[in-house]
N, C-alpha and C. Protein backbone atom coordinates (compact mmCIF):
# COMPACT_ATOMS: atom_id res chain seq x y z
N MET A 1 0.83 -1.18 0.00
CA MET A 1 0.00 0.00 0.00
C MET A 1 0.86 1.24 0.00
N PHE A 2 0.33 2.32 -0.55
CA PHE A 2 1.03 3.58 -0.64
C PHE A 2 0.71 4.40 0.60
N ILE A 3 1.69 4.57 1.48
CA ILE A 3 1.48 5.36 2.69
C ILE A 3 2.73 6.21 2.90
N TYR A 4 2.52 7.48 3.16
CA TYR A 4 3.65 8.31 3.56
C TYR A 4 3.14 9.49 4.36
N SER A 5 4.00 10.08 5.08
CA SER A 5 3.67 11.28 5.84
C SER A 5 4.34 12.46 5.17
N TRP A 6 3.63 13.54 4.97
CA TRP A 6 4.17 14.68 4.25
C TRP A 6 5.00 15.57 5.15
N ASN A 7 5.10 15.27 6.42
CA ASN A 7 5.77 16.16 7.37
C ASN A 7 7.29 16.11 7.29
N GLY A 8 7.83 15.85 6.14
CA GLY A 8 9.28 15.85 5.98
C GLY A 8 9.80 14.53 5.48
N ALA A 9 9.10 13.44 5.76
CA ALA A 9 9.56 12.14 5.29
C ALA A 9 9.51 12.05 3.77
N ALA A 10 8.64 12.84 3.15
CA ALA A 10 8.53 12.80 1.69
C ALA A 10 9.80 13.32 1.04
N ARG A 11 10.56 14.14 1.76
CA ARG A 11 11.81 14.64 1.18
C ARG A 11 12.79 13.52 0.90
N ALA A 12 12.61 12.39 1.60
CA ALA A 12 13.50 11.26 1.38
C ALA A 12 13.25 10.59 0.04
N LEU A 13 12.07 10.81 -0.54
CA LEU A 13 11.79 10.26 -1.86
C LEU A 13 12.61 11.03 -2.89
N SER A 14 13.17 10.34 -3.82
CA SER A 14 13.93 11.04 -4.84
C SER A 14 12.98 11.77 -5.77
N ALA A 15 13.47 12.80 -6.41
CA ALA A 15 12.64 13.58 -7.33
C ALA A 15 12.13 12.70 -8.47
N GLY A 16 12.93 11.75 -8.91
CA GLY A 16 12.51 10.86 -10.00
C GLY A 16 11.34 9.98 -9.60
N ILE A 17 11.35 9.45 -8.39
CA ILE A 17 10.25 8.61 -7.92
C ILE A 17 8.99 9.44 -7.78
N LEU A 18 9.10 10.63 -7.18
CA LEU A 18 7.95 11.48 -6.98
C LEU A 18 7.37 11.92 -8.32
N CYS A 19 8.20 12.28 -9.28
CA CYS A 19 7.72 12.65 -10.60
C CYS A 19 7.03 11.47 -11.27
N GLY A 20 7.58 10.28 -11.09
CA GLY A 20 6.96 9.09 -11.67
C GLY A 20 5.58 8.84 -11.10
N LEU A 21 5.39 9.08 -9.79
CA LEU A 21 4.08 8.90 -9.18
C LEU A 21 3.06 9.89 -9.72
N LEU A 22 3.52 11.10 -9.99
CA LEU A 22 2.60 12.15 -10.43
C LEU A 22 2.28 12.07 -11.92
N THR A 23 3.15 11.46 -12.71
CA THR A 23 2.94 11.45 -14.15
C THR A 23 2.71 10.07 -14.73
N ALA A 24 2.56 9.06 -13.88
CA ALA A 24 2.36 7.70 -14.38
C ALA A 24 1.08 7.63 -15.20
N ALA A 25 1.13 6.87 -16.30
CA ALA A 25 -0.05 6.70 -17.14
C ALA A 25 -1.12 5.92 -16.39
N PRO A 26 -2.35 6.41 -16.37
CA PRO A 26 -3.41 5.71 -15.64
C PRO A 26 -3.79 4.40 -16.31
N LEU A 27 -4.15 3.42 -15.49
CA LEU A 27 -4.63 2.16 -16.00
C LEU A 27 -6.14 2.21 -16.09
N VAL A 28 -6.71 1.80 -17.21
CA VAL A 28 -8.15 1.85 -17.40
C VAL A 28 -8.63 0.45 -17.73
N ALA A 29 -9.64 -0.01 -16.98
CA ALA A 29 -10.22 -1.32 -17.26
C ALA A 29 -10.96 -1.25 -18.58
N ALA A 30 -10.79 -2.26 -19.42
CA ALA A 30 -11.38 -2.26 -20.75
C ALA A 30 -12.90 -2.33 -20.71
N ASP A 31 -13.49 -2.92 -19.66
CA ASP A 31 -14.93 -3.12 -19.64
C ASP A 31 -15.70 -2.00 -18.94
N SER A 32 -15.06 -0.94 -18.51
CA SER A 32 -15.80 0.13 -17.87
C SER A 32 -15.26 1.48 -18.30
N VAL A 33 -16.17 2.45 -18.38
CA VAL A 33 -15.80 3.80 -18.75
C VAL A 33 -15.73 4.61 -17.47
N ARG A 34 -14.58 5.18 -17.20
CA ARG A 34 -14.40 5.96 -15.97
C ARG A 34 -14.54 7.44 -16.29
N GLN A 35 -15.39 8.07 -15.51
CA GLN A 35 -15.58 9.50 -15.62
C GLN A 35 -14.93 10.15 -14.40
N ALA A 36 -14.66 11.43 -14.52
CA ALA A 36 -14.22 12.16 -13.34
C ALA A 36 -15.35 12.11 -12.32
N LEU A 37 -15.00 11.97 -11.06
CA LEU A 37 -16.00 11.89 -10.00
C LEU A 37 -16.30 13.30 -9.48
N ILE A 38 -17.33 13.89 -10.06
CA ILE A 38 -17.74 15.23 -9.68
C ILE A 38 -19.23 15.21 -9.34
N ALA A 39 -19.63 16.12 -8.49
CA ALA A 39 -21.04 16.22 -8.13
C ALA A 39 -21.84 16.70 -9.34
N PRO A 40 -23.03 16.22 -9.56
CA PRO A 40 -23.75 15.28 -8.73
C PRO A 40 -23.22 13.86 -8.94
N TYR A 41 -22.94 13.18 -7.83
CA TYR A 41 -22.42 11.83 -7.89
C TYR A 41 -23.52 10.86 -8.27
N SER A 42 -23.11 9.67 -8.75
CA SER A 42 -24.08 8.64 -9.09
C SER A 42 -23.46 7.26 -8.87
N TYR A 43 -24.33 6.29 -8.74
CA TYR A 43 -23.91 4.90 -8.62
C TYR A 43 -23.07 4.50 -9.84
N GLU A 44 -23.51 4.89 -11.03
CA GLU A 44 -22.80 4.51 -12.26
C GLU A 44 -21.38 5.06 -12.29
N GLN A 45 -21.18 6.27 -11.78
CA GLN A 45 -19.83 6.84 -11.74
C GLN A 45 -18.91 5.97 -10.89
N PHE A 46 -19.35 5.62 -9.69
CA PHE A 46 -18.50 4.87 -8.76
C PHE A 46 -18.34 3.41 -9.15
N LYS A 47 -19.34 2.84 -9.82
CA LYS A 47 -19.28 1.43 -10.21
C LYS A 47 -18.03 1.13 -11.05
N ALA A 48 -17.63 2.07 -11.87
CA ALA A 48 -16.46 1.89 -12.73
C ALA A 48 -15.15 1.85 -11.95
N TYR A 49 -15.17 2.25 -10.68
CA TYR A 49 -13.96 2.31 -9.87
C TYR A 49 -13.84 1.18 -8.84
N VAL A 50 -14.77 0.24 -8.81
CA VAL A 50 -14.68 -0.87 -7.86
C VAL A 50 -13.40 -1.65 -8.13
N GLY A 51 -12.66 -1.91 -7.06
CA GLY A 51 -11.37 -2.60 -7.17
C GLY A 51 -10.19 -1.66 -7.31
N GLU A 52 -10.44 -0.37 -7.44
CA GLU A 52 -9.38 0.63 -7.59
C GLU A 52 -9.02 1.25 -6.25
N SER A 53 -7.80 1.74 -6.15
CA SER A 53 -7.32 2.41 -4.94
C SER A 53 -7.28 3.91 -5.13
N PHE A 54 -7.58 4.61 -4.06
CA PHE A 54 -7.60 6.07 -4.05
C PHE A 54 -6.64 6.56 -2.99
N ARG A 55 -5.98 7.66 -3.26
CA ARG A 55 -5.19 8.35 -2.24
C ARG A 55 -6.14 9.21 -1.44
N VAL A 56 -6.01 9.15 -0.12
CA VAL A 56 -6.90 9.90 0.77
C VAL A 56 -6.04 10.70 1.73
N TRP A 57 -6.31 12.01 1.79
CA TRP A 57 -5.57 12.89 2.68
C TRP A 57 -6.29 12.96 4.00
N GLY A 58 -5.58 12.67 5.09
CA GLY A 58 -6.20 12.69 6.40
C GLY A 58 -5.19 12.97 7.48
N GLY A 59 -5.65 12.88 8.70
CA GLY A 59 -4.75 13.08 9.82
C GLY A 59 -4.61 14.54 10.17
N GLU A 60 -3.80 14.78 11.18
CA GLU A 60 -3.57 16.13 11.68
C GLU A 60 -3.05 17.02 10.56
N GLY A 61 -3.75 18.09 10.28
CA GLY A 61 -3.34 19.01 9.23
C GLY A 61 -3.48 18.43 7.84
N LEU A 62 -4.17 17.32 7.71
CA LEU A 62 -4.37 16.62 6.45
C LEU A 62 -3.05 16.35 5.74
N GLY A 63 -1.99 16.14 6.51
CA GLY A 63 -0.68 15.90 5.94
C GLY A 63 -0.37 14.45 5.66
N ARG A 64 -1.16 13.54 6.16
CA ARG A 64 -0.91 12.11 5.96
C ARG A 64 -1.73 11.63 4.77
N VAL A 65 -1.13 10.83 3.92
CA VAL A 65 -1.82 10.26 2.76
C VAL A 65 -1.82 8.75 2.91
N ILE A 66 -3.01 8.16 2.82
CA ILE A 66 -3.11 6.70 2.85
C ILE A 66 -3.87 6.24 1.62
N GLU A 67 -3.78 4.98 1.35
CA GLU A 67 -4.47 4.40 0.20
C GLU A 67 -5.67 3.60 0.68
N LEU A 68 -6.84 3.90 0.13
CA LEU A 68 -8.04 3.14 0.40
C LEU A 68 -8.52 2.51 -0.90
N LYS A 69 -8.92 1.25 -0.82
CA LYS A 69 -9.40 0.51 -1.99
C LYS A 69 -10.92 0.43 -1.94
N LEU A 70 -11.57 0.81 -3.06
CA LEU A 70 -13.02 0.68 -3.17
C LEU A 70 -13.33 -0.79 -3.41
N GLU A 71 -13.77 -1.47 -2.37
CA GLU A 71 -14.01 -2.91 -2.43
C GLU A 71 -15.35 -3.28 -3.04
N SER A 72 -16.40 -2.53 -2.67
CA SER A 72 -17.72 -2.89 -3.18
C SER A 72 -18.68 -1.73 -3.04
N ILE A 73 -19.83 -1.88 -3.74
CA ILE A 73 -20.93 -0.92 -3.65
C ILE A 73 -22.19 -1.72 -3.38
N ASN A 74 -22.95 -1.30 -2.37
CA ASN A 74 -24.25 -1.90 -2.10
C ASN A 74 -25.33 -0.91 -2.49
N VAL A 75 -26.27 -1.37 -3.30
CA VAL A 75 -27.37 -0.53 -3.74
C VAL A 75 -28.57 -0.76 -2.84
N ASP A 76 -29.12 0.32 -2.30
CA ASP A 76 -30.34 0.24 -1.50
C ASP A 76 -31.56 0.50 -2.37
N GLN A 77 -31.50 1.58 -3.19
CA GLN A 77 -32.61 1.92 -4.06
C GLN A 77 -32.10 2.83 -5.17
N ILE A 78 -32.47 2.51 -6.39
CA ILE A 78 -32.18 3.39 -7.51
C ILE A 78 -33.42 3.42 -8.39
N ASP A 79 -34.03 4.59 -8.50
CA ASP A 79 -35.17 4.77 -9.39
C ASP A 79 -35.15 6.20 -9.90
N ALA A 80 -36.24 6.64 -10.50
CA ALA A 80 -36.27 7.96 -11.11
C ALA A 80 -36.19 9.10 -10.09
N LYS A 81 -36.55 8.82 -8.83
CA LYS A 81 -36.58 9.88 -7.82
C LYS A 81 -35.44 9.82 -6.81
N VAL A 82 -34.94 8.62 -6.52
CA VAL A 82 -33.96 8.44 -5.44
C VAL A 82 -32.84 7.51 -5.89
N GLU A 83 -31.64 7.84 -5.44
CA GLU A 83 -30.49 6.96 -5.65
C GLU A 83 -29.80 6.80 -4.30
N GLN A 84 -29.90 5.60 -3.72
CA GLN A 84 -29.29 5.32 -2.42
C GLN A 84 -28.32 4.15 -2.58
N PHE A 85 -27.06 4.40 -2.20
CA PHE A 85 -26.06 3.34 -2.27
C PHE A 85 -24.96 3.62 -1.26
N LYS A 86 -24.16 2.57 -0.98
CA LYS A 86 -23.06 2.67 -0.02
C LYS A 86 -21.78 2.20 -0.69
N LEU A 87 -20.69 2.92 -0.45
CA LEU A 87 -19.36 2.51 -0.91
C LEU A 87 -18.63 1.92 0.28
N PHE A 88 -17.91 0.82 0.06
CA PHE A 88 -17.12 0.19 1.11
C PHE A 88 -15.65 0.19 0.70
N PHE A 89 -14.82 0.79 1.54
CA PHE A 89 -13.39 0.91 1.30
C PHE A 89 -12.63 0.10 2.35
N SER A 90 -11.49 -0.46 1.94
CA SER A 90 -10.58 -1.08 2.89
C SER A 90 -9.29 -0.27 2.92
N GLY A 91 -8.64 -0.28 4.09
CA GLY A 91 -7.41 0.48 4.24
C GLY A 91 -6.47 -0.18 5.22
N PRO A 92 -5.32 0.43 5.44
CA PRO A 92 -4.30 -0.15 6.32
C PRO A 92 -4.73 -0.13 7.78
N THR A 93 -4.17 -1.06 8.55
CA THR A 93 -4.50 -1.15 9.97
C THR A 93 -3.65 -0.23 10.84
N ASP A 94 -2.56 0.28 10.30
CA ASP A 94 -1.65 1.09 11.12
C ASP A 94 -2.08 2.54 11.27
N TYR A 95 -3.14 2.94 10.59
CA TYR A 95 -3.60 4.32 10.70
C TYR A 95 -5.11 4.34 10.49
N LYS A 96 -5.83 4.96 11.41
CA LYS A 96 -7.28 4.99 11.33
C LYS A 96 -7.77 6.40 11.04
N LEU A 97 -8.61 6.51 10.04
CA LEU A 97 -9.28 7.77 9.74
C LEU A 97 -10.54 7.84 10.59
N ASP A 98 -10.78 8.99 11.21
CA ASP A 98 -11.99 9.21 11.98
C ASP A 98 -13.13 9.59 11.06
N LYS A 99 -14.33 9.62 11.61
CA LYS A 99 -15.51 10.06 10.86
C LYS A 99 -15.30 11.52 10.49
N ASN A 100 -15.22 11.80 9.17
CA ASN A 100 -14.94 13.16 8.74
C ASN A 100 -15.02 13.22 7.21
N SER A 101 -14.86 14.42 6.69
CA SER A 101 -14.79 14.65 5.25
C SER A 101 -13.32 14.61 4.82
N TYR A 102 -13.02 13.85 3.76
CA TYR A 102 -11.64 13.67 3.32
C TYR A 102 -11.51 13.93 1.82
N LYS A 103 -10.32 14.35 1.45
CA LYS A 103 -10.00 14.56 0.04
C LYS A 103 -9.51 13.25 -0.56
N PHE A 104 -10.14 12.81 -1.66
CA PHE A 104 -9.79 11.60 -2.38
C PHE A 104 -9.17 11.97 -3.72
N GLN A 105 -8.29 11.09 -4.23
CA GLN A 105 -7.70 11.31 -5.54
C GLN A 105 -7.41 9.98 -6.21
N HIS A 106 -7.67 9.92 -7.51
CA HIS A 106 -7.36 8.77 -8.36
C HIS A 106 -6.96 9.37 -9.71
N PRO A 107 -6.07 8.72 -10.47
CA PRO A 107 -5.64 9.31 -11.74
C PRO A 107 -6.78 9.66 -12.71
N GLN A 108 -7.84 8.85 -12.75
CA GLN A 108 -8.96 9.17 -13.65
C GLN A 108 -10.06 9.97 -12.97
N SER A 109 -10.21 9.85 -11.67
CA SER A 109 -11.35 10.49 -11.00
C SER A 109 -11.14 11.97 -10.75
N GLY A 110 -9.89 12.37 -10.67
CA GLY A 110 -9.61 13.73 -10.23
C GLY A 110 -9.64 13.78 -8.71
N VAL A 111 -9.79 14.97 -8.16
CA VAL A 111 -9.82 15.17 -6.71
C VAL A 111 -11.25 15.52 -6.32
N PHE A 112 -11.73 14.89 -5.25
CA PHE A 112 -13.08 15.13 -4.76
C PHE A 112 -13.10 14.86 -3.27
N ARG A 113 -14.17 15.28 -2.59
CA ARG A 113 -14.30 15.09 -1.15
C ARG A 113 -15.49 14.20 -0.86
N LEU A 114 -15.33 13.31 0.14
CA LEU A 114 -16.41 12.45 0.60
C LEU A 114 -16.41 12.40 2.13
N TRP A 115 -17.60 12.21 2.70
CA TRP A 115 -17.74 11.99 4.14
C TRP A 115 -17.55 10.50 4.37
N LEU A 116 -16.57 10.13 5.17
CA LEU A 116 -16.16 8.75 5.38
C LEU A 116 -16.36 8.38 6.84
N GLU A 117 -16.84 7.15 7.09
CA GLU A 117 -17.02 6.68 8.46
C GLU A 117 -16.34 5.33 8.63
N PRO A 118 -15.55 5.16 9.69
CA PRO A 118 -14.98 3.83 9.98
C PRO A 118 -16.09 2.91 10.45
N ILE A 119 -16.08 1.64 9.99
CA ILE A 119 -17.15 0.73 10.38
C ILE A 119 -16.65 -0.56 11.01
N ALA A 120 -15.41 -0.99 10.71
CA ALA A 120 -14.93 -2.25 11.27
C ALA A 120 -13.41 -2.33 11.14
N ASP A 121 -12.82 -3.15 12.01
CA ASP A 121 -11.38 -3.43 11.96
C ASP A 121 -11.19 -4.93 11.95
N SER A 122 -10.16 -5.37 11.25
CA SER A 122 -9.75 -6.77 11.32
C SER A 122 -8.23 -6.77 11.51
N THR A 123 -7.64 -7.92 11.56
CA THR A 123 -6.19 -7.98 11.73
C THR A 123 -5.45 -7.54 10.47
N SER A 124 -6.11 -7.58 9.33
CA SER A 124 -5.43 -7.25 8.08
C SER A 124 -5.85 -5.93 7.45
N GLN A 125 -6.99 -5.35 7.88
CA GLN A 125 -7.43 -4.10 7.27
C GLN A 125 -8.50 -3.41 8.10
N ARG A 126 -8.69 -2.13 7.81
CA ARG A 126 -9.77 -1.35 8.41
C ARG A 126 -10.81 -1.13 7.31
N TRP A 127 -12.07 -1.06 7.72
CA TRP A 127 -13.16 -0.88 6.77
C TRP A 127 -13.84 0.46 7.00
N TYR A 128 -14.21 1.11 5.90
CA TYR A 128 -14.86 2.41 5.93
C TYR A 128 -16.08 2.38 5.00
N ARG A 129 -17.05 3.27 5.30
CA ARG A 129 -18.26 3.34 4.48
C ARG A 129 -18.56 4.79 4.14
N VAL A 130 -19.07 4.97 2.92
CA VAL A 130 -19.57 6.26 2.46
C VAL A 130 -21.01 6.04 2.02
N ASP A 131 -21.95 6.80 2.57
CA ASP A 131 -23.37 6.66 2.24
C ASP A 131 -23.81 7.76 1.28
N PHE A 132 -24.59 7.37 0.29
CA PHE A 132 -25.20 8.32 -0.63
C PHE A 132 -26.71 8.17 -0.56
N ASN A 133 -27.40 9.28 -0.40
CA ASN A 133 -28.85 9.33 -0.39
C ASN A 133 -29.23 10.53 -1.25
N LEU A 134 -29.37 10.29 -2.56
CA LEU A 134 -29.50 11.38 -3.53
C LEU A 134 -30.91 11.49 -4.07
N LEU A 135 -31.45 12.69 -4.09
CA LEU A 135 -32.75 12.94 -4.71
C LEU A 135 -32.51 13.40 -6.14
N ARG A 136 -33.27 12.86 -7.05
CA ARG A 136 -33.13 13.23 -8.48
C ARG A 136 -34.21 14.18 -8.91
């Protein structure tokens, strides 16, 4: 997993490695079309990102970056008037994000903010949930 603290430890990364992280060509799954994740959000937008990892800025001063993987989406209701679904992310056990709004980033999604809540811990990962209750 990609984890680092921006409080000075990032200086240890060489300029070549950091440039490579910022300019790497994005990988796109052949069977899904990925759009930038911008409001108004939708189930269809996020469905294309299942199995992908996002960089999430959190911690004191939002200086810590961790990687969260979008593991699954549960649909509660989708019709002409309402779109209700939940995103489930897994992350590292060595750092826990509290219930709060966080900045997310993925090469194809761009940068966006979501309200994230921790829901469970295991020996190998922490689990987080994002709820959407959208009126159309």
